[in-house]
Amino acid sequence: MRKRSTQTNLLKLGNILQGVLKKHNINIDSEEQRLLEIWNKAVGIKIAAHTRPERLKRNTLFVKVTSSVWMQQLHILKSEIIQKINQLLGKNLVKNIHFSIGEIPSAPARNPYPPSFSPESYPLKDKEKKLIEKRTSSIADNELKEILKRVMIKNIIRRKLSQVRQAP
């Protein structure tokens, strides 16, 4: 009979489940999730841009920080941050914060279009339509031509929307 080989690369089920849930954008409604959501409100935009809360374990919040300078500054502000978080939560859930240096992913780009965006709701002028036709007329591949037309239409609409937003 063969001996079983010992498995050295065992993973915790919680870590696997958490990864699967993140991959499928499934949020579990828990105190930890709520804590992560209020982090930006508790620390403010400037600090939030250089930090990311990772997890809460045994009343300790683990937070990644972009640099040692930020980590030092946050150590000074630790008690104030804990107080603010607990105040926003309405209970004393966080007793300590552990800061470590790590990579902070940049915030996803903001969608320039309104949530109910549809190119059909922003008709183009005849001049703009002719320009698109002229620029795409030399493209032989019809599929590529249609893709380029859609991109150009969205670009024109995006410019119009940004001009409207900037108008006083």
Protein backbone atom coordinates (compact mmCIF):
# COMPACT_ATOMS: atom_id res chain seq x y z
CA MET A 1 0.00 0.00 0.00
CA ARG A 2 1.27 3.47 -0.95
CA LYS A 3 1.74 6.20 1.60
CA ARG A 4 -0.20 9.38 1.10
CA SER A 5 1.96 12.33 0.31
CA THR A 6 1.52 15.25 2.65
CA GLN A 7 0.05 18.34 1.10
CA THR A 8 2.13 21.39 1.82
CA ASN A 9 0.15 23.94 -0.20
CA LEU A 10 -3.17 23.77 1.60
CA LEU A 11 -5.41 26.84 1.30
CA LYS A 12 -7.97 28.02 3.80
CA LEU A 13 -11.53 27.58 2.60
CA GLY A 14 -12.36 31.14 3.67
CA ASN A 15 -9.64 32.53 1.39
CA ILE A 16 -10.86 30.47 -1.56
CA LEU A 17 -14.47 31.50 -0.98
CA GLN A 18 -13.53 35.15 -0.63
CA GLY A 19 -11.61 35.01 -3.93
CA VAL A 20 -14.52 33.39 -5.75
CA LEU A 21 -16.97 35.94 -4.38
CA LYS A 22 -14.71 38.84 -5.42
CA LYS A 23 -14.25 37.35 -8.88
CA HIS A 24 -18.01 37.24 -9.40
CA ASN A 25 -18.63 40.64 -7.75
CA ILE A 26 -20.75 39.12 -5.00
CA ASN A 27 -20.80 41.13 -1.81
CA ILE A 28 -21.63 39.50 1.49
CA ASP A 29 -23.57 41.81 3.77
CA SER A 30 -21.56 41.75 6.97
CA GLU A 31 -20.03 44.12 9.47
CA GLU A 32 -16.67 43.67 7.78
CA GLN A 33 -18.12 44.64 4.39
CA ARG A 34 -19.82 47.68 5.93
CA LEU A 35 -16.56 48.65 7.58
CA LEU A 36 -14.72 48.54 4.27
CA GLU A 37 -17.42 50.69 2.67
CA ILE A 38 -17.19 53.44 5.29
CA TRP A 39 -13.39 53.61 5.24
CA ASN A 40 -13.35 56.45 2.67
CA LYS A 41 -15.87 58.42 4.69
CA ALA A 42 -13.94 57.88 7.91
CA VAL A 43 -10.51 58.89 6.63
CA GLY A 44 -11.34 61.32 3.83
CA ILE A 45 -10.51 61.36 0.14
CA LYS A 46 -6.81 62.24 0.43
CA ILE A 47 -5.96 59.43 2.86
CA ALA A 48 -8.26 56.96 1.09
CA ALA A 49 -6.30 57.51 -2.14
CA HIS A 50 -3.17 56.15 -0.40
CA THR A 51 -4.78 53.34 1.60
CA ARG A 52 -6.94 50.25 1.14
CA PRO A 53 -8.56 48.33 3.99
CA GLU A 54 -7.88 44.62 3.50
CA ARG A 55 -9.74 42.76 6.24
CA LEU A 56 -10.97 42.83 9.81
CA LYS A 57 -9.71 40.10 12.12
CA ARG A 58 -10.24 39.94 15.87
CA ASN A 59 -11.15 43.63 16.11
CA THR A 60 -8.01 44.63 14.20
CA LEU A 61 -8.40 46.34 10.84
CA PHE A 62 -5.58 45.52 8.40
CA VAL A 63 -4.84 48.36 5.98
CA LYS A 64 -2.43 48.58 3.05
CA VAL A 65 -0.60 51.90 2.68
CA THR A 66 1.35 53.24 -0.33
CA SER A 67 4.53 54.30 1.51
CA SER A 68 6.33 54.44 4.83
CA VAL A 69 5.66 58.18 5.02
CA TRP A 70 1.91 57.58 4.88
CA MET A 71 2.23 54.70 7.34
CA GLN A 72 4.00 56.97 9.85
CA GLN A 73 1.39 59.69 9.45
CA LEU A 74 -1.45 57.21 9.89
CA HIS A 75 0.14 55.77 13.05
CA ILE A 76 -0.12 59.27 14.51
CA LEU A 77 -3.79 59.49 13.46
CA LYS A 78 -4.65 55.89 14.44
CA SER A 79 -6.76 56.64 17.54
CA GLU A 80 -8.72 59.33 15.69
CA ILE A 81 -9.40 56.97 12.78
CA ILE A 82 -10.54 54.18 15.12
CA GLN A 83 -12.85 56.59 16.92
CA LYS A 84 -14.32 57.88 13.62
CA ILE A 85 -14.86 54.35 12.23
CA ASN A 86 -16.57 53.16 15.41
CA GLN A 87 -18.71 56.30 15.46
CA LEU A 88 -19.85 55.67 11.87
CA LEU A 89 -20.51 52.01 12.65
CA GLY A 90 -22.43 52.86 15.80
CA LYS A 91 -20.43 50.39 17.92
CA ASN A 92 -16.89 49.65 19.08
CA LEU A 93 -15.96 47.05 16.48
CA VAL A 94 -12.41 48.23 15.70
CA LYS A 95 -9.93 48.23 18.57
CA ASN A 96 -6.69 48.43 16.56
CA ILE A 97 -5.43 49.18 13.06
CA HIS A 98 -2.41 47.43 11.56
CA PHE A 99 -0.80 49.32 8.67
CA SER A 100 1.49 47.65 6.13
CA ILE A 101 3.05 48.87 2.92
CA GLY A 102 1.56 47.40 -0.20
CA GLU A 103 0.35 48.09 -3.70
CA ILE A 104 -2.81 50.17 -3.88
CA PRO A 105 -4.73 49.69 -7.14
CA SER A 106 -5.81 52.94 -8.71
CA ALA A 107 -9.49 53.79 -8.65
CA PRO A 108 -11.39 52.65 -11.72
CA ALA A 109 -11.91 55.30 -14.35
CA ARG A 110 -15.19 57.12 -14.01
CA ASN A 111 -17.67 56.44 -16.80
CA PRO A 112 -18.10 59.73 -18.70
CA TYR A 113 -21.59 58.76 -19.83
CA PRO A 114 -24.81 59.08 -17.83
CA PRO A 115 -26.10 55.74 -16.42
CA SER A 116 -28.88 55.57 -19.01
CA PHE A 117 -26.55 56.43 -21.91
CA SER A 118 -27.68 55.51 -25.37
CA PRO A 119 -26.12 57.03 -28.50
CA GLU A 120 -29.59 57.21 -30.06
CA SER A 121 -30.67 59.71 -27.40
CA TYR A 122 -28.00 62.15 -28.66
CA PRO A 123 -28.58 62.58 -32.40
CA LEU A 124 -25.64 63.79 -34.50
CA LYS A 125 -25.74 66.80 -36.77
CA ASP A 126 -25.54 66.23 -40.53
CA LYS A 127 -22.05 67.74 -40.54
CA GLU A 128 -20.87 65.18 -37.96
CA LYS A 129 -22.48 62.28 -39.85
CA LYS A 130 -20.75 63.34 -43.08
CA LEU A 131 -17.40 63.59 -41.31
CA ILE A 132 -17.77 60.04 -39.95
CA GLU A 133 -18.72 58.72 -43.40
CA LYS A 134 -15.78 60.49 -45.02
CA ARG A 135 -13.28 59.14 -42.46
CA THR A 136 -14.54 55.56 -42.70
CA SER A 137 -15.22 55.37 -46.45
CA SER A 138 -11.77 53.99 -47.28
CA ILE A 139 -12.08 51.03 -44.90
CA ALA A 140 -12.87 47.83 -46.82
CA ASP A 141 -13.76 45.59 -43.87
CA ASN A 142 -17.42 46.30 -43.01
CA GLU A 143 -17.17 45.00 -39.44
CA LEU A 144 -14.16 47.21 -38.71
CA LYS A 145 -15.91 50.15 -40.39
CA GLU A 146 -18.99 49.77 -38.16
CA ILE A 147 -16.85 49.50 -35.01
CA LEU A 148 -14.95 52.63 -35.94
CA LYS A 149 -18.21 54.48 -36.65
CA ARG A 150 -19.56 53.56 -33.20
CA VAL A 151 -16.34 54.71 -31.55
CA MET A 152 -16.41 58.01 -33.41
CA ILE A 153 -20.09 58.58 -32.53
CA LYS A 154 -19.43 57.94 -28.85
CA ASN A 155 -16.40 60.22 -28.93
CA ILE A 156 -18.41 63.08 -30.45
CA ILE A 157 -21.17 62.60 -27.88
CA ARG A 158 -18.64 62.42 -25.03
CA ARG A 159 -17.16 65.74 -26.11
CA LYS A 160 -20.61 67.32 -26.26
CA LEU A 161 -21.46 66.03 -22.79
CA SER A 162 -18.19 67.29 -21.32
CA GLN A 163 -18.80 70.73 -22.86
CA VAL A 164 -22.29 70.79 -21.34
CA ARG A 165 -20.88 69.88 -17.90
CA GLN A 166 -18.22 72.62 -18.11
CA ALA A 167 -20.67 75.33 -19.20
CA PRO A 168 -21.49 77.79 -16.36
